[in-house]
Amino acid sequence: MVMRMRLAILLPLILGMSAALQPLAAQKSPGRVEAGRNLAVQWCTGCHAVEPNTVGSFGADFAEIAKLPSTTALSRKVFLQTSHPNMPNFILQPDEANDIAAYILSLKRK
């Protein structure tokens, strides 16, 4: 009887914790480079040189951003999900930020 009561109390807690951790697992996704390139071309080319050997209006070139020592997947995702005075306030989903970060990091090798 006591065991059933404990299980009845613990099971919803465990299931709730599992559901709460799913978004965190999604944020740890490494991102898809091609999807990130497509998003960057769609949203960022007005100001940035998104692809190598292109020219942006006034924003930093993505290839130059990729070469900075501070450029990591985490730093890009945090940057992309934080509003900045000189950038439009895009509301990115975690997977979109992961994808764009993966694309920028892929430029480090080029």
N, C-alpha and C. Protein backbone atom coordinates (compact mmCIF):
# COMPACT_ATOMS: atom_id res chain seq x y z
N MET A 1 0.82 -1.19 0.00
CA MET A 1 0.00 0.00 0.00
C MET A 1 0.87 1.26 0.00
N VAL A 2 1.87 1.29 0.88
CA VAL A 2 2.77 2.44 0.95
C VAL A 2 3.56 2.58 -0.35
N MET A 3 3.97 1.45 -0.90
CA MET A 3 4.71 1.47 -2.16
C MET A 3 3.86 2.05 -3.29
N ARG A 4 2.59 1.70 -3.34
CA ARG A 4 1.70 2.25 -4.37
C ARG A 4 1.54 3.75 -4.22
N MET A 5 1.44 4.22 -2.98
CA MET A 5 1.29 5.66 -2.75
C MET A 5 2.55 6.39 -3.18
N ARG A 6 3.71 5.83 -2.88
CA ARG A 6 4.97 6.46 -3.31
C ARG A 6 5.06 6.50 -4.82
N LEU A 7 4.69 5.40 -5.46
CA LEU A 7 4.71 5.35 -6.91
C LEU A 7 3.72 6.34 -7.51
N ALA A 8 2.55 6.45 -6.88
CA ALA A 8 1.54 7.39 -7.36
C ALA A 8 2.02 8.83 -7.25
N ILE A 9 2.86 9.10 -6.28
CA ILE A 9 3.40 10.45 -6.10
C ILE A 9 4.61 10.68 -7.01
N LEU A 10 5.49 9.70 -7.09
CA LEU A 10 6.74 9.87 -7.83
C LEU A 10 6.56 9.80 -9.34
N LEU A 11 5.66 8.97 -9.82
CA LEU A 11 5.52 8.80 -11.27
C LEU A 11 5.17 10.11 -11.98
N PRO A 12 4.18 10.88 -11.51
CA PRO A 12 3.92 12.17 -12.18
C PRO A 12 5.11 13.12 -12.12
N LEU A 13 5.86 13.09 -11.02
CA LEU A 13 7.04 13.95 -10.92
C LEU A 13 8.10 13.56 -11.94
N ILE A 14 8.34 12.27 -12.06
CA ILE A 14 9.33 11.78 -13.01
C ILE A 14 8.91 12.11 -14.44
N LEU A 15 7.63 11.87 -14.75
CA LEU A 15 7.15 12.17 -16.10
C LEU A 15 7.21 13.67 -16.38
N GLY A 16 6.88 14.47 -15.39
CA GLY A 16 6.94 15.92 -15.56
C GLY A 16 8.36 16.40 -15.79
N MET A 17 9.32 15.84 -15.05
CA MET A 17 10.72 16.22 -15.23
C MET A 17 11.20 15.81 -16.62
N SER A 18 10.77 14.65 -17.08
CA SER A 18 11.16 14.19 -18.41
C SER A 18 10.66 15.15 -19.48
N ALA A 19 9.41 15.57 -19.35
CA ALA A 19 8.83 16.51 -20.33
C ALA A 19 9.54 17.86 -20.26
N ALA A 20 9.91 18.29 -19.06
CA ALA A 20 10.59 19.57 -18.91
C ALA A 20 11.99 19.54 -19.50
N LEU A 21 12.64 18.40 -19.49
CA LEU A 21 14.00 18.30 -20.00
C LEU A 21 14.06 18.16 -21.52
N GLN A 22 12.96 17.84 -22.18
CA GLN A 22 12.98 17.67 -23.63
C GLN A 22 13.41 18.94 -24.37
N PRO A 23 12.95 20.15 -24.00
CA PRO A 23 13.46 21.34 -24.69
C PRO A 23 14.95 21.51 -24.51
N LEU A 24 15.49 21.14 -23.34
CA LEU A 24 16.94 21.25 -23.13
C LEU A 24 17.69 20.31 -24.05
N ALA A 25 17.15 19.13 -24.25
CA ALA A 25 17.80 18.18 -25.16
C ALA A 25 17.79 18.73 -26.58
N ALA A 26 16.71 19.39 -26.97
CA ALA A 26 16.64 19.95 -28.32
C ALA A 26 17.66 21.07 -28.49
N GLN A 27 17.92 21.85 -27.43
CA GLN A 27 18.89 22.93 -27.54
C GLN A 27 20.31 22.42 -27.69
N LYS A 28 20.56 21.19 -27.28
CA LYS A 28 21.91 20.64 -27.38
C LYS A 28 22.18 20.06 -28.76
N SER A 29 21.20 20.11 -29.63
CA SER A 29 21.37 19.63 -30.99
C SER A 29 22.48 20.43 -31.66
N PRO A 30 23.36 19.75 -32.40
CA PRO A 30 24.47 20.47 -33.02
C PRO A 30 24.04 21.39 -34.15
N GLY A 31 22.87 21.22 -34.69
CA GLY A 31 22.42 22.08 -35.78
C GLY A 31 22.72 21.48 -37.13
N ARG A 32 21.97 21.95 -38.11
CA ARG A 32 22.10 21.47 -39.49
C ARG A 32 22.65 22.62 -40.32
N VAL A 33 23.82 22.40 -40.89
CA VAL A 33 24.54 23.45 -41.61
C VAL A 33 23.73 23.99 -42.78
N GLU A 34 23.19 23.14 -43.61
CA GLU A 34 22.45 23.60 -44.80
C GLU A 34 21.19 24.37 -44.40
N ALA A 35 20.49 23.90 -43.39
CA ALA A 35 19.30 24.63 -42.92
C ALA A 35 19.72 26.00 -42.38
N GLY A 36 20.85 26.05 -41.67
CA GLY A 36 21.35 27.32 -41.16
C GLY A 36 21.74 28.28 -42.27
N ARG A 37 22.36 27.75 -43.32
CA ARG A 37 22.71 28.59 -44.47
C ARG A 37 21.45 29.16 -45.10
N ASN A 38 20.44 28.33 -45.27
CA ASN A 38 19.18 28.79 -45.88
C ASN A 38 18.52 29.88 -45.04
N LEU A 39 18.50 29.70 -43.73
CA LEU A 39 17.93 30.74 -42.86
C LEU A 39 18.75 32.03 -42.93
N ALA A 40 20.07 31.90 -42.91
CA ALA A 40 20.93 33.08 -42.96
C ALA A 40 20.77 33.83 -44.28
N VAL A 41 20.68 33.10 -45.38
CA VAL A 41 20.48 33.75 -46.68
C VAL A 41 19.15 34.49 -46.68
N GLN A 42 18.14 33.86 -46.13
CA GLN A 42 16.79 34.45 -46.10
C GLN A 42 16.73 35.68 -45.20
N TRP A 43 17.32 35.63 -44.02
CA TRP A 43 17.13 36.68 -43.03
C TRP A 43 18.29 37.66 -42.90
N CYS A 44 19.49 37.27 -43.26
CA CYS A 44 20.67 38.06 -42.88
C CYS A 44 21.38 38.76 -44.03
N THR A 45 21.12 38.35 -45.28
CA THR A 45 21.89 38.89 -46.41
C THR A 45 21.67 40.37 -46.65
N GLY A 46 20.63 40.94 -46.11
CA GLY A 46 20.42 42.38 -46.28
C GLY A 46 21.51 43.21 -45.65
N CYS A 47 22.14 42.66 -44.62
CA CYS A 47 23.16 43.41 -43.88
C CYS A 47 24.52 42.72 -43.85
N HIS A 48 24.54 41.41 -43.91
CA HIS A 48 25.77 40.64 -43.74
C HIS A 48 26.19 39.92 -45.02
N ALA A 49 27.48 39.72 -45.16
CA ALA A 49 27.99 38.79 -46.17
C ALA A 49 27.86 37.41 -45.55
N VAL A 50 26.83 36.71 -45.94
CA VAL A 50 26.50 35.43 -45.32
C VAL A 50 27.38 34.32 -45.88
N GLU A 51 27.67 34.37 -47.15
CA GLU A 51 28.48 33.34 -47.80
C GLU A 51 29.85 33.90 -48.15
N PRO A 52 30.86 33.05 -48.17
CA PRO A 52 32.19 33.52 -48.54
C PRO A 52 32.18 34.20 -49.91
N ASN A 53 33.02 35.19 -50.05
CA ASN A 53 33.18 35.92 -51.31
C ASN A 53 31.94 36.69 -51.72
N THR A 54 31.16 37.13 -50.74
CA THR A 54 30.03 38.03 -51.01
C THR A 54 30.24 39.29 -50.18
N VAL A 55 29.46 40.30 -50.45
CA VAL A 55 29.60 41.57 -49.76
C VAL A 55 28.31 41.89 -49.03
N GLY A 56 28.43 42.28 -47.76
CA GLY A 56 27.28 42.71 -46.98
C GLY A 56 27.21 44.22 -46.93
N SER A 57 26.07 44.76 -46.55
CA SER A 57 25.90 46.21 -46.48
C SER A 57 26.74 46.84 -45.39
N PHE A 58 26.57 46.39 -44.16
CA PHE A 58 27.31 46.99 -43.06
C PHE A 58 27.56 46.03 -41.90
N GLY A 59 26.93 44.89 -41.88
CA GLY A 59 27.13 43.93 -40.80
C GLY A 59 28.41 43.14 -41.02
N ALA A 60 28.84 42.50 -39.96
CA ALA A 60 30.06 41.68 -40.03
C ALA A 60 29.88 40.50 -40.98
N ASP A 61 30.95 40.16 -41.68
CA ASP A 61 30.92 39.00 -42.57
C ASP A 61 30.87 37.74 -41.72
N PHE A 62 30.02 36.79 -42.09
CA PHE A 62 29.89 35.55 -41.33
C PHE A 62 31.21 34.78 -41.30
N ALA A 63 31.98 34.82 -42.39
CA ALA A 63 33.26 34.11 -42.41
C ALA A 63 34.24 34.72 -41.41
N GLU A 64 34.20 36.04 -41.26
CA GLU A 64 35.07 36.71 -40.28
C GLU A 64 34.62 36.40 -38.86
N ILE A 65 33.31 36.35 -38.65
CA ILE A 65 32.78 35.98 -37.33
C ILE A 65 33.24 34.57 -36.98
N ALA A 66 33.20 33.68 -37.95
CA ALA A 66 33.58 32.28 -37.72
C ALA A 66 35.03 32.16 -37.27
N LYS A 67 35.89 33.05 -37.75
CA LYS A 67 37.32 32.96 -37.45
C LYS A 67 37.71 33.54 -36.09
N LEU A 68 36.78 34.24 -35.44
CA LEU A 68 37.09 34.83 -34.14
C LEU A 68 37.31 33.73 -33.10
N PRO A 69 38.30 33.89 -32.23
CA PRO A 69 38.54 32.87 -31.20
C PRO A 69 37.34 32.67 -30.28
N SER A 70 36.53 33.71 -30.11
CA SER A 70 35.37 33.62 -29.22
C SER A 70 34.17 32.93 -29.85
N THR A 71 34.26 32.61 -31.13
CA THR A 71 33.12 31.99 -31.82
C THR A 71 33.04 30.51 -31.50
N THR A 72 32.00 30.18 -30.75
CA THR A 72 31.69 28.79 -30.44
C THR A 72 30.20 28.59 -30.72
N ALA A 73 29.77 27.35 -30.72
CA ALA A 73 28.35 27.07 -30.92
C ALA A 73 27.53 27.78 -29.85
N LEU A 74 27.97 27.72 -28.61
CA LEU A 74 27.24 28.35 -27.52
C LEU A 74 27.22 29.86 -27.66
N SER A 75 28.36 30.47 -27.98
CA SER A 75 28.39 31.94 -28.10
C SER A 75 27.49 32.43 -29.23
N ARG A 76 27.43 31.69 -30.32
CA ARG A 76 26.56 32.08 -31.43
C ARG A 76 25.09 31.92 -31.07
N LYS A 77 24.74 30.82 -30.40
CA LYS A 77 23.34 30.60 -30.02
C LYS A 77 22.88 31.66 -29.03
N VAL A 78 23.73 32.00 -28.07
CA VAL A 78 23.37 33.04 -27.11
C VAL A 78 23.20 34.37 -27.84
N PHE A 79 24.14 34.70 -28.71
CA PHE A 79 24.05 35.95 -29.48
C PHE A 79 22.76 36.00 -30.30
N LEU A 80 22.45 34.90 -30.98
CA LEU A 80 21.29 34.87 -31.86
C LEU A 80 19.97 34.94 -31.11
N GLN A 81 19.98 34.59 -29.85
CA GLN A 81 18.74 34.60 -29.08
C GLN A 81 18.68 35.78 -28.11
N THR A 82 19.54 36.78 -28.32
CA THR A 82 19.56 37.99 -27.50
C THR A 82 19.33 39.17 -28.43
N SER A 83 18.48 40.11 -28.00
CA SER A 83 18.24 41.28 -28.86
C SER A 83 19.46 42.21 -28.83
N HIS A 84 19.69 42.88 -29.96
CA HIS A 84 20.82 43.81 -30.11
C HIS A 84 20.31 45.08 -30.76
N PRO A 85 20.82 46.24 -30.33
CA PRO A 85 20.30 47.51 -30.85
C PRO A 85 20.47 47.69 -32.35
N ASN A 86 21.50 47.13 -32.94
CA ASN A 86 21.76 47.35 -34.37
C ASN A 86 21.21 46.24 -35.26
N MET A 87 20.45 45.33 -34.69
CA MET A 87 19.92 44.21 -35.47
C MET A 87 18.41 44.13 -35.30
N PRO A 88 17.72 43.62 -36.33
CA PRO A 88 16.29 43.37 -36.15
C PRO A 88 16.09 42.35 -35.02
N ASN A 89 14.99 42.43 -34.34
CA ASN A 89 14.73 41.54 -33.23
C ASN A 89 14.03 40.27 -33.72
N PHE A 90 14.79 39.43 -34.40
CA PHE A 90 14.27 38.15 -34.84
C PHE A 90 14.03 37.26 -33.62
N ILE A 91 12.92 36.58 -33.60
CA ILE A 91 12.64 35.61 -32.54
C ILE A 91 12.93 34.23 -33.12
N LEU A 92 14.08 33.68 -32.78
CA LEU A 92 14.50 32.39 -33.32
C LEU A 92 14.12 31.27 -32.37
N GLN A 93 13.67 30.19 -32.93
CA GLN A 93 13.45 28.97 -32.15
C GLN A 93 14.83 28.37 -31.86
N PRO A 94 14.95 27.57 -30.79
CA PRO A 94 16.25 26.99 -30.47
C PRO A 94 16.87 26.22 -31.63
N ASP A 95 16.07 25.47 -32.39
CA ASP A 95 16.65 24.71 -33.51
C ASP A 95 17.13 25.64 -34.62
N GLU A 96 16.47 26.78 -34.82
CA GLU A 96 16.92 27.73 -35.84
C GLU A 96 18.25 28.37 -35.41
N ALA A 97 18.37 28.72 -34.13
CA ALA A 97 19.64 29.26 -33.63
C ALA A 97 20.75 28.23 -33.75
N ASN A 98 20.44 26.96 -33.44
CA ASN A 98 21.43 25.89 -33.60
C ASN A 98 21.88 25.76 -35.04
N ASP A 99 20.92 25.84 -35.97
CA ASP A 99 21.24 25.69 -37.39
C ASP A 99 22.12 26.84 -37.89
N ILE A 100 21.76 28.07 -37.54
CA ILE A 100 22.56 29.22 -37.98
C ILE A 100 23.95 29.17 -37.35
N ALA A 101 24.03 28.80 -36.08
CA ALA A 101 25.33 28.67 -35.41
C ALA A 101 26.17 27.60 -36.10
N ALA A 102 25.55 26.48 -36.47
CA ALA A 102 26.28 25.40 -37.16
C ALA A 102 26.80 25.90 -38.51
N TYR A 103 25.99 26.68 -39.21
CA TYR A 103 26.44 27.22 -40.50
C TYR A 103 27.63 28.16 -40.31
N ILE A 104 27.53 29.07 -39.34
CA ILE A 104 28.63 30.01 -39.11
C ILE A 104 29.90 29.24 -38.76
N LEU A 105 29.79 28.27 -37.88
CA LEU A 105 30.97 27.47 -37.50
C LEU A 105 31.54 26.69 -38.69
N SER A 106 30.68 26.30 -39.63
CA SER A 106 31.18 25.57 -40.81
C SER A 106 32.07 26.46 -41.67
N LEU A 107 31.90 27.78 -41.58
CA LEU A 107 32.71 28.71 -42.37
C LEU A 107 34.13 28.82 -41.83
N LYS A 108 34.34 28.39 -40.61
CA LYS A 108 35.67 28.45 -40.00
C LYS A 108 36.65 27.60 -40.78
N ARG A 109 36.17 26.55 -41.41
CA ARG A 109 37.02 25.62 -42.15
C ARG A 109 37.30 26.08 -43.56
N LYS A 110 36.61 27.10 -44.04
CA LYS A 110 36.75 27.50 -45.44
C LYS A 110 37.75 28.59 -45.61
